[in-house]
Amino acid sequence: MRLADPEAELTLLMSVVQNNNLVDDLFENISESDLTDNRAKKIFVFFQKCYKENKKPSQSKLWLYLKDKNIDPETVIQDIIAVPSEFGDLVNRVREMAVKRRINQALIDITEKMREEDNIEKLSDEVQEIIFTATAKEKKQKHEFKLAEAMMDFFTEINDLAEGRKKTRGIYTGYPAFDYKFGGFRKGQLTVIAGRTSMGKTAFALNIAHNLIKRDNYKIYLMSLEMNAKEIAERVVAQNSLVPTSKYNASITRVDRDNINLAINRLYEKDLWINQQRGLSVNQIKAIIRRKYRELEGLDMVIIDYLQMIQYDSRNNLAKAVGDVVLELRNLAGELEIPIILGCQLSRGKEKKHKARPDLSELRDSGNIEEIADSVVFVWRDKEEEGFATPAKIIVEKNRSGPGTGELEFVWYADYLYFRDQMLEDKDGPLPGWKEWGR
């Protein structure tokens, strides 16, 4: 298999010498690492030098430069026939060879990993990351827009909303007050849902997933780094059946069993996928999510529970390592164009002061989580208040794309592990079972 084409590299560069207007296109599409021929690398560096000095890379200057580098100019300038009109084809040829070399190197790296790693699941995730790194550079994505083009994209979206072809700009959760304040979960954005110990951050994220699959056939992938799949299933069934979790350890009545069975039947075909692997690095998590994304031909949302359970790079200090993980996951959201929800444990400093409202300074282990995340949502309730239905607050602290921030009144149903919007509580009354609390 041919892994390099030196003639194509030199011809490409000489076409730029003959038409200096192509130098910008060259730098946008080709880097020095894409070249293999030593002469081509030297010429590319010469172009960079001219570019920085705002000078045109003429043949005479190139001739002198090559002689200074002990390269015979005649082997390049006189022997290579370049046609500027072929520039695009030459770019594709050079890039194609570069991709083949990266894939070839990936095969070497994979072989080395196979010698070092005995854990098949971990090996599989590492292989996925290696392959993606080797091929990601060639992913065609539009990064530059003229204002008029961007405005037309915006107008098309607004028109689709007005005509009913699109329901929302983001994914709405089914919590009216939250959806109004937050504006829905947007594609390509990372939202951090944070809370102190036992406040219900996992429950709230899972409530959102449950509301979505109950309403429509959303494809949701949950990376549960703390609880196993059966525990997650128990929670979802409790929310759907309204059979209290406290009864799971006691004798279940026939009515309870029938309600659980109905809930299971309603949820059976829903696309909520649960991964219960623990001790994963961010690269492994990314590889797993990408693999599921390809398998399902897309995802509507990813939930990762939670940040502090991810294995960090021990070579970095903790704050930097956490920040790097958050940034990697935000980039993954943009890459796959899906919303990612990331659970986060708040620091323990104010836990004893349970009446204290959480704030951004409590985001544990890193001072830049709030800077990187697109949105930050806090879950808070007074743990001294015990009951079947107790007040809770969902606090939208940062909201890059939504209508606003602020506190929202919710009700926490401890026996169902379910948060309910106070607007629904006022409209429809409390959930069944509240009168029986304490019996």
Protein backbone atom coordinates (compact mmCIF):
# COMPACT_ATOMS: atom_id res chain seq x y z
CA MET A 1 0.00 0.00 0.00
CA ARG A 2 1.39 3.38 -1.01
CA LEU A 3 1.52 5.79 1.95
CA ALA A 4 3.15 8.84 0.38
CA ASP A 5 3.24 10.74 -2.91
CA PRO A 6 6.27 13.12 -2.88
CA GLU A 7 5.60 14.23 -6.46
CA ALA A 8 2.06 15.35 -5.54
CA GLU A 9 3.43 17.22 -2.51
CA LEU A 10 6.03 19.12 -4.56
CA THR A 11 3.62 19.82 -7.41
CA LEU A 12 1.08 21.20 -4.95
CA LEU A 13 3.61 23.58 -3.45
CA MET A 14 4.95 24.71 -6.82
CA SER A 15 1.40 25.55 -7.93
CA VAL A 16 1.32 28.01 -5.01
CA VAL A 17 4.61 29.57 -6.22
CA GLN A 18 3.01 30.11 -9.61
CA ASN A 19 -0.17 31.55 -8.07
CA ASN A 20 0.47 33.29 -4.75
CA ASN A 21 -3.27 33.73 -4.18
CA LEU A 22 -3.45 30.04 -3.28
CA VAL A 23 -1.26 30.35 -0.19
CA ASP A 24 -4.21 30.96 2.15
CA ASP A 25 -6.01 27.90 0.82
CA LEU A 26 -2.83 25.90 1.29
CA PHE A 27 -2.49 26.79 4.97
CA GLU A 28 -6.19 26.15 5.57
CA ASN A 29 -6.05 22.63 4.14
CA ILE A 30 -2.49 21.37 4.62
CA SER A 31 -0.09 21.32 7.57
CA GLU A 32 3.60 20.47 7.63
CA SER A 33 2.80 17.10 9.24
CA ASP A 34 0.81 16.15 6.11
CA LEU A 35 4.04 16.19 4.07
CA THR A 36 6.68 13.45 3.85
CA ASP A 37 9.23 14.72 1.33
CA ASN A 38 12.04 16.68 3.00
CA ARG A 39 12.14 19.19 0.14
CA ALA A 40 8.39 19.73 0.43
CA LYS A 41 8.68 20.34 4.17
CA LYS A 42 11.42 22.92 3.58
CA ILE A 43 9.32 24.72 0.96
CA PHE A 44 6.30 24.72 3.31
CA VAL A 45 8.45 26.35 6.02
CA PHE A 46 9.61 28.88 3.42
CA PHE A 47 5.96 29.70 2.64
CA GLN A 48 5.28 30.21 6.35
CA LYS A 49 8.28 32.55 6.64
CA CYS A 50 7.09 34.61 3.67
CA TYR A 51 3.55 34.66 5.05
CA LYS A 52 4.68 36.05 8.41
CA GLU A 53 6.75 38.72 6.67
CA ASN A 54 3.85 39.53 4.33
CA LYS A 55 5.97 38.69 1.28
CA LYS A 56 5.14 36.70 -1.84
CA PRO A 57 6.91 33.33 -2.24
CA SER A 58 8.52 33.99 -5.64
CA GLN A 59 10.59 31.47 -7.60
CA SER A 60 13.77 33.53 -7.24
CA LYS A 61 13.43 33.74 -3.44
CA LEU A 62 12.63 30.02 -3.27
CA TRP A 63 15.71 29.26 -5.40
CA LEU A 64 17.98 31.11 -2.95
CA TYR A 65 16.25 29.56 0.07
CA LEU A 66 16.68 26.00 -1.21
CA LYS A 67 20.36 26.55 -2.03
CA ASP A 68 20.86 27.88 1.51
CA LYS A 69 19.30 24.62 2.79
CA ASN A 70 21.65 22.53 0.62
CA ILE A 71 18.83 21.42 -1.68
CA ASP A 72 19.37 21.52 -5.45
CA PRO A 73 16.68 23.98 -6.70
CA GLU A 74 16.69 22.40 -10.14
CA THR A 75 15.21 19.15 -8.74
CA VAL A 76 12.19 21.12 -7.68
CA ILE A 77 11.70 24.31 -9.65
CA GLN A 78 12.74 23.07 -13.08
CA ASP A 79 11.73 19.41 -12.85
CA ILE A 80 8.24 19.93 -11.42
CA ILE A 81 5.50 21.10 -13.78
CA ALA A 82 2.71 22.68 -11.77
CA VAL A 83 -0.72 23.76 -12.98
CA PRO A 84 -2.60 25.99 -10.49
CA SER A 85 -5.97 24.72 -11.77
CA GLU A 86 -5.08 21.29 -10.36
CA PHE A 87 -4.59 22.71 -6.86
CA GLY A 88 -7.80 21.19 -5.44
CA ASP A 89 -7.04 17.69 -6.74
CA LEU A 90 -3.50 17.90 -5.40
CA VAL A 91 -4.76 18.96 -1.95
CA ASN A 92 -7.09 15.95 -1.86
CA ARG A 93 -4.26 13.63 -2.93
CA VAL A 94 -1.88 14.88 -0.23
CA ARG A 95 -4.59 14.72 2.45
CA GLU A 96 -5.55 11.21 1.35
CA MET A 97 -1.96 10.02 1.79
CA ALA A 98 -1.78 11.71 5.20
CA VAL A 99 -4.93 9.91 6.37
CA LYS A 100 -3.54 6.56 5.22
CA ARG A 101 -0.37 7.19 7.20
CA ARG A 102 -2.34 8.08 10.32
CA ILE A 103 -4.44 4.95 9.95
CA ASN A 104 -1.30 2.89 9.45
CA GLN A 105 0.19 4.41 12.60
CA ALA A 106 -3.08 3.67 14.40
CA LEU A 107 -2.71 -0.02 13.48
CA ILE A 108 0.79 0.02 14.96
CA ASP A 109 -0.48 1.70 18.13
CA ILE A 110 -3.36 -0.79 18.39
CA THR A 111 -0.94 -3.71 18.08
CA GLU A 112 1.16 -2.20 20.88
CA LYS A 113 -1.94 -1.74 23.06
CA MET A 114 -2.86 -5.39 22.50
CA ARG A 115 0.49 -6.40 23.94
CA GLU A 116 0.06 -4.15 26.99
CA GLU A 117 -3.64 -4.44 27.85
CA ASP A 118 -5.38 -7.69 28.92
CA ASN A 119 -8.77 -6.15 29.76
CA ILE A 120 -10.80 -6.58 26.56
CA GLU A 121 -13.39 -3.90 27.36
CA LYS A 122 -10.72 -1.32 28.20
CA LEU A 123 -8.74 -2.34 25.11
CA SER A 124 -11.82 -1.91 22.92
CA ASP A 125 -12.40 1.63 24.23
CA GLU A 126 -8.75 2.59 23.73
CA VAL A 127 -8.83 1.23 20.18
CA GLN A 128 -11.93 3.32 19.44
CA GLU A 129 -10.11 6.45 20.66
CA ILE A 130 -7.02 5.65 18.56
CA ILE A 131 -9.08 5.12 15.42
CA PHE A 132 -11.09 8.32 15.97
CA THR A 133 -7.92 10.35 16.52
CA ALA A 134 -6.48 8.96 13.30
CA THR A 135 -9.52 9.85 11.20
CA ALA A 136 -11.12 12.84 12.96
CA LYS A 137 -9.05 15.39 11.06
CA GLU A 138 -10.84 14.53 7.84
CA LYS A 139 -14.34 15.12 9.18
CA LYS A 140 -15.97 17.75 6.97
CA GLN A 141 -17.55 20.42 9.12
CA LYS A 142 -18.43 23.96 8.23
CA HIS A 143 -16.77 26.39 10.62
CA GLU A 144 -17.08 29.71 8.81
CA PHE A 145 -20.28 31.57 7.95
CA LYS A 146 -21.02 34.95 6.45
CA LEU A 147 -23.50 36.88 8.61
CA ALA A 148 -26.18 36.67 5.91
CA GLU A 149 -25.89 32.89 5.80
CA ALA A 150 -26.04 32.56 9.59
CA MET A 151 -29.08 34.86 9.73
CA MET A 152 -30.89 32.75 7.13
CA ASP A 153 -30.18 29.61 9.17
CA PHE A 154 -31.68 31.38 12.19
CA PHE A 155 -34.70 32.60 10.21
CA THR A 156 -35.31 29.09 8.83
CA GLU A 157 -35.36 27.74 12.39
CA ILE A 158 -37.75 30.45 13.58
CA ASN A 159 -40.00 29.88 10.56
CA ASP A 160 -40.07 26.14 11.24
CA LEU A 161 -41.14 26.88 14.81
CA ALA A 162 -43.88 29.26 13.64
CA GLU A 163 -45.18 26.81 11.03
CA GLY A 164 -45.15 23.87 13.45
CA ARG A 165 -42.48 21.91 11.58
CA LYS A 166 -40.31 22.16 14.68
CA LYS A 167 -41.64 22.22 18.23
CA THR A 168 -38.78 23.82 20.17
CA ARG A 169 -35.27 25.19 19.72
CA GLY A 170 -34.09 22.87 22.48
CA ILE A 171 -35.31 19.61 24.02
CA TYR A 172 -38.00 20.47 26.56
CA THR A 173 -38.11 18.45 29.77
CA GLY A 174 -41.81 18.51 30.59
CA TYR A 175 -41.20 20.78 33.60
CA PRO A 176 -43.07 23.98 32.52
CA ALA A 177 -41.28 26.48 34.79
CA PHE A 178 -37.85 24.98 34.09
CA ASP A 179 -38.43 24.84 30.34
CA TYR A 180 -39.57 28.47 30.29
CA LYS A 181 -36.54 29.64 32.27
CA PHE A 182 -33.95 27.29 30.78
CA GLY A 183 -35.16 27.20 27.17
CA GLY A 184 -34.57 23.48 26.64
CA PHE A 185 -31.38 21.47 26.22
CA ARG A 186 -29.61 22.68 23.07
CA LYS A 187 -27.66 20.52 20.65
CA GLY A 188 -23.91 20.73 21.08
CA GLN A 189 -24.05 22.12 24.62
CA LEU A 190 -22.86 20.80 27.98
CA THR A 191 -25.06 21.33 31.04
CA VAL A 192 -23.72 20.66 34.53
CA ILE A 193 -26.33 19.57 37.09
CA ALA A 194 -24.72 20.01 40.50
CA GLY A 195 -25.73 19.35 44.08
CA ARG A 196 -24.40 18.55 47.50
CA THR A 197 -24.50 14.99 48.81
CA SER A 198 -27.98 13.36 48.67
CA MET A 199 -29.67 16.46 47.27
CA GLY A 200 -30.97 14.54 44.26
CA LYS A 201 -28.80 15.61 41.32
CA THR A 202 -28.90 12.05 39.93
CA ALA A 203 -32.64 11.86 40.52
CA PHE A 204 -33.25 15.15 38.69
CA ALA A 205 -31.19 14.09 35.67
CA LEU A 206 -33.01 10.76 35.60
CA ASN A 207 -36.38 12.53 35.99
CA ILE A 208 -35.56 14.52 32.85
CA ALA A 209 -34.70 11.31 30.97
CA HIS A 210 -37.92 9.67 32.19
CA ASN A 211 -40.04 12.68 31.17
CA LEU A 212 -38.51 12.64 27.69
CA ILE A 213 -38.96 8.94 26.94
CA LYS A 214 -42.47 9.04 28.38
CA ARG A 215 -43.40 11.89 26.04
CA ASP A 216 -41.63 10.78 22.86
CA ASN A 217 -39.21 8.21 21.50
CA TYR A 218 -36.00 10.05 22.36
CA LYS A 219 -32.74 8.11 22.24
CA ILE A 220 -30.93 8.73 25.52
CA TYR A 221 -27.64 7.23 26.69
CA LEU A 222 -26.90 7.22 30.42
CA MET A 223 -23.35 6.66 31.63
CA SER A 224 -23.93 5.63 35.25
CA LEU A 225 -20.52 5.58 36.92
CA GLU A 226 -21.96 4.99 40.40
CA MET A 227 -25.23 3.02 40.25
CA ASN A 228 -25.88 -0.18 38.33
CA ALA A 229 -28.50 -0.60 35.61
CA LYS A 230 -30.95 -2.42 37.90
CA GLU A 231 -30.94 0.48 40.39
CA ILE A 232 -31.60 2.92 37.55
CA ALA A 233 -34.46 0.73 36.30
CA GLU A 234 -36.01 0.64 39.80
CA ARG A 235 -36.01 4.42 39.94
CA VAL A 236 -37.57 4.84 36.49
CA VAL A 237 -40.28 2.26 37.29
CA ALA A 238 -41.05 4.00 40.61
CA GLN A 239 -41.50 7.33 38.81
CA ASN A 240 -43.77 5.77 36.21
CA SER A 241 -45.80 3.41 38.38
CA LEU A 242 -46.01 5.68 41.46
CA VAL A 243 -45.37 2.64 43.64
CA PRO A 244 -43.15 3.95 46.47
CA THR A 245 -39.61 2.60 46.60
CA SER A 246 -40.11 1.95 50.32
CA LYS A 247 -42.43 -0.91 49.34
CA TYR A 248 -39.74 -2.66 47.31
CA ASN A 249 -38.34 -4.17 50.52
CA ALA A 250 -41.75 -5.08 51.93
CA SER A 251 -44.66 -7.14 50.69
CA ILE A 252 -45.94 -5.78 47.38
CA THR A 253 -49.71 -5.76 47.04
CA ARG A 254 -51.42 -7.08 43.95
CA VAL A 255 -52.40 -3.54 42.96
CA ASP A 256 -48.77 -2.39 43.35
CA ARG A 257 -47.57 -5.31 41.28
CA ASP A 258 -50.12 -4.55 38.55
CA ASN A 259 -49.02 -0.89 38.48
CA ILE A 260 -45.37 -1.92 38.24
CA ASN A 261 -46.21 -4.31 35.43
CA LEU A 262 -48.09 -1.55 33.54
CA ALA A 263 -45.11 0.80 33.96
CA ILE A 264 -42.71 -1.83 32.65
CA ASN A 265 -44.94 -2.41 29.62
CA ARG A 266 -45.10 1.34 28.93
CA LEU A 267 -41.32 1.72 29.16
CA TYR A 268 -40.26 -1.58 27.62
CA GLU A 269 -39.62 -0.33 24.08
CA LYS A 270 -38.15 3.03 25.06
CA ASP A 271 -34.62 3.94 23.95
CA LEU A 272 -33.01 4.68 27.31
CA TRP A 273 -29.64 2.94 27.28
CA ILE A 274 -27.66 2.45 30.50
CA ASN A 275 -23.93 1.85 30.74
CA GLN A 276 -22.84 0.84 34.25
CA GLN A 277 -19.06 0.58 33.70
CA ARG A 278 -16.98 2.17 36.42
CA GLY A 279 -13.46 3.48 36.66
CA LEU A 280 -13.54 4.96 33.16
CA SER A 281 -11.30 7.71 31.82
CA VAL A 282 -12.74 10.53 29.73
CA ASN A 283 -11.23 8.98 26.58
CA GLN A 284 -12.99 5.69 27.31
CA ILE A 285 -16.28 7.51 27.94
CA LYS A 286 -15.92 9.38 24.65
CA ALA A 287 -15.17 6.16 22.77
CA ILE A 288 -18.21 4.40 24.28
CA ILE A 289 -20.56 7.29 23.45
CA ARG A 290 -19.24 7.59 19.89
CA ARG A 291 -19.70 3.87 19.37
CA LYS A 292 -23.31 4.00 20.63
CA TYR A 293 -23.95 7.10 18.52
CA ARG A 294 -22.90 5.20 15.40
CA GLU A 295 -24.78 2.06 16.41
CA LEU A 296 -28.08 3.92 16.97
CA GLU A 297 -27.48 6.32 14.07
CA GLY A 298 -27.61 9.26 16.43
CA LEU A 299 -28.53 10.13 20.02
CA ASP A 300 -30.83 12.83 21.38
CA MET A 301 -29.13 13.22 24.77
CA VAL A 302 -26.29 11.83 26.87
CA ILE A 303 -26.26 11.87 30.68
CA ILE A 304 -23.01 11.24 32.58
CA ASP A 305 -23.36 10.60 36.31
CA TYR A 306 -21.09 11.96 37.59
CA LEU A 307 -17.94 14.07 37.07
CA GLN A 308 -16.03 13.09 40.21
CA MET A 309 -16.34 9.36 39.35
CA ILE A 310 -14.33 9.80 36.13
CA GLN A 311 -10.71 8.69 36.29
CA TYR A 312 -8.38 11.65 35.85
CA ASP A 313 -4.89 11.99 34.47
CA SER A 314 -2.72 11.66 37.58
CA ARG A 315 0.10 13.60 35.89
CA ASN A 316 -1.88 16.84 36.22
CA ASN A 317 -3.06 18.59 39.36
CA LEU A 318 -6.66 17.80 40.24
CA ALA A 319 -8.14 21.18 39.30
CA LYS A 320 -6.55 21.09 35.85
CA ALA A 321 -7.50 17.44 35.32
CA VAL A 322 -11.15 18.13 36.15
CA GLY A 323 -11.20 21.17 33.89
CA ASP A 324 -9.70 19.13 31.05
CA VAL A 325 -12.39 16.45 31.45
CA VAL A 326 -15.20 19.03 31.35
CA LEU A 327 -13.69 20.64 28.26
CA GLU A 328 -13.35 17.24 26.52
CA LEU A 329 -17.02 16.47 27.19
CA ARG A 330 -18.14 19.91 26.00
CA ASN A 331 -16.16 19.36 22.79
CA LEU A 332 -17.80 15.94 22.41
CA ALA A 333 -21.25 17.56 22.66
CA GLY A 334 -20.28 19.93 19.85
CA GLU A 335 -18.74 17.15 17.78
CA LEU A 336 -21.85 14.94 17.93
CA GLU A 337 -24.26 17.92 18.02
CA ILE A 338 -26.16 16.56 21.03
CA PRO A 339 -26.87 17.93 24.53
CA ILE A 340 -24.76 16.33 27.27
CA ILE A 341 -25.81 16.51 30.93
CA LEU A 342 -22.96 16.08 33.41
CA GLY A 343 -23.66 15.46 37.10
CA CYS A 344 -21.31 17.17 39.53
CA GLN A 345 -20.75 16.83 43.29
CA LEU A 346 -20.48 20.11 45.18
CA SER A 347 -17.81 20.60 47.83
CA ARG A 348 -18.61 19.53 51.36
CA GLY A 349 -17.70 22.87 52.92
CA LYS A 350 -21.29 24.09 53.31
CA GLU A 351 -23.07 20.76 53.74
CA LYS A 352 -23.69 21.34 57.44
CA LYS A 353 -25.21 24.68 56.56
CA HIS A 354 -28.04 22.94 54.76
CA LYS A 355 -30.08 26.13 54.53
CA ALA A 356 -27.33 27.86 52.55
CA ARG A 357 -28.09 28.30 48.86
CA PRO A 358 -25.40 26.68 46.67
CA ASP A 359 -23.33 28.89 44.39
CA LEU A 360 -20.75 28.56 41.61
CA SER A 361 -17.84 28.73 44.07
CA GLU A 362 -18.86 25.33 45.40
CA LEU A 363 -18.26 23.51 42.14
CA ARG A 364 -15.91 20.92 43.51
CA ASP A 365 -12.22 20.50 42.64
CA SER A 366 -12.07 23.06 39.84
CA GLY A 367 -12.59 26.77 39.54
CA ASN A 368 -13.28 26.69 35.80
CA ILE A 369 -16.14 24.19 35.49
CA GLU A 370 -18.61 27.07 35.35
CA GLU A 371 -16.47 28.83 32.74
CA ILE A 372 -16.39 25.83 30.42
CA ALA A 373 -19.95 24.54 30.79
CA ASP A 374 -22.67 26.15 28.69
CA SER A 375 -25.15 25.93 31.56
CA VAL A 376 -25.04 25.20 35.30
CA VAL A 377 -28.09 24.03 37.26
CA PHE A 378 -28.15 23.44 41.04
CA VAL A 379 -30.44 21.03 42.89
CA TRP A 380 -31.18 22.10 46.46
CA ARG A 381 -33.57 21.28 49.30
CA ASP A 382 -33.58 21.58 53.07
CA LYS A 383 -32.66 18.10 54.30
CA GLU A 384 -34.16 18.84 57.71
CA GLU A 385 -37.62 18.90 56.17
CA GLU A 386 -38.84 15.32 56.06
CA GLY A 387 -42.07 14.24 54.44
CA PHE A 388 -43.72 12.60 51.49
CA ALA A 389 -43.65 15.89 49.56
CA THR A 390 -41.13 18.55 50.59
CA PRO A 391 -40.09 21.88 49.03
CA ALA A 392 -37.09 21.91 46.71
CA LYS A 393 -35.40 24.39 44.42
CA ILE A 394 -33.94 23.97 40.95
CA ILE A 395 -31.57 26.90 40.49
CA VAL A 396 -30.52 27.92 36.98
CA GLU A 397 -27.21 29.62 37.81
CA LYS A 398 -25.69 29.92 34.34
CA ASN A 399 -27.62 29.83 31.08
CA ARG A 400 -25.63 30.69 27.99
CA SER A 401 -28.44 30.23 25.45
CA GLY A 402 -31.67 30.24 27.43
CA PRO A 403 -34.06 33.04 28.45
CA GLY A 404 -32.74 33.55 31.98
CA THR A 405 -31.47 32.40 35.36
CA GLY A 406 -32.99 32.15 38.83
CA GLU A 407 -34.64 29.88 41.38
CA LEU A 408 -37.57 27.62 40.51
CA GLU A 409 -39.94 26.09 43.04
CA PHE A 410 -40.21 22.31 42.91
CA VAL A 411 -41.54 19.54 45.15
CA TRP A 412 -39.42 16.53 46.09
CA TYR A 413 -41.30 13.22 46.39
CA ALA A 414 -38.77 11.15 48.32
CA ASP A 415 -40.60 7.84 47.98
CA TYR A 416 -40.75 8.14 44.20
CA LEU A 417 -37.29 9.80 43.91
CA TYR A 418 -39.05 12.39 41.79
CA PHE A 419 -38.92 16.18 41.49
CA ARG A 420 -42.14 17.85 40.41
CA ASP A 421 -42.59 21.36 39.08
CA GLN A 422 -44.59 23.52 41.50
CA MET A 423 -46.63 24.80 38.55
CA LEU A 424 -47.90 21.24 37.96
CA GLU A 425 -48.40 20.79 41.69
CA ASP A 426 -50.60 23.89 41.85
CA LYS A 427 -52.49 22.93 38.71
CA ASP A 428 -53.08 19.20 39.24
CA GLY A 429 -52.58 18.73 42.97
CA PRO A 430 -50.05 16.47 44.70
CA LEU A 431 -49.16 12.99 43.48
CA PRO A 432 -51.12 9.99 44.81
CA GLY A 433 -49.95 8.72 48.17
CA TRP A 434 -49.31 12.00 49.97
CA LYS A 435 -52.17 11.41 52.47
CA GLU A 436 -50.73 8.03 53.41
CA TRP A 437 -47.31 9.43 54.33
CA GLY A 438 -46.36 8.58 57.92
CA ARG A 439 -48.93 5.84 58.42
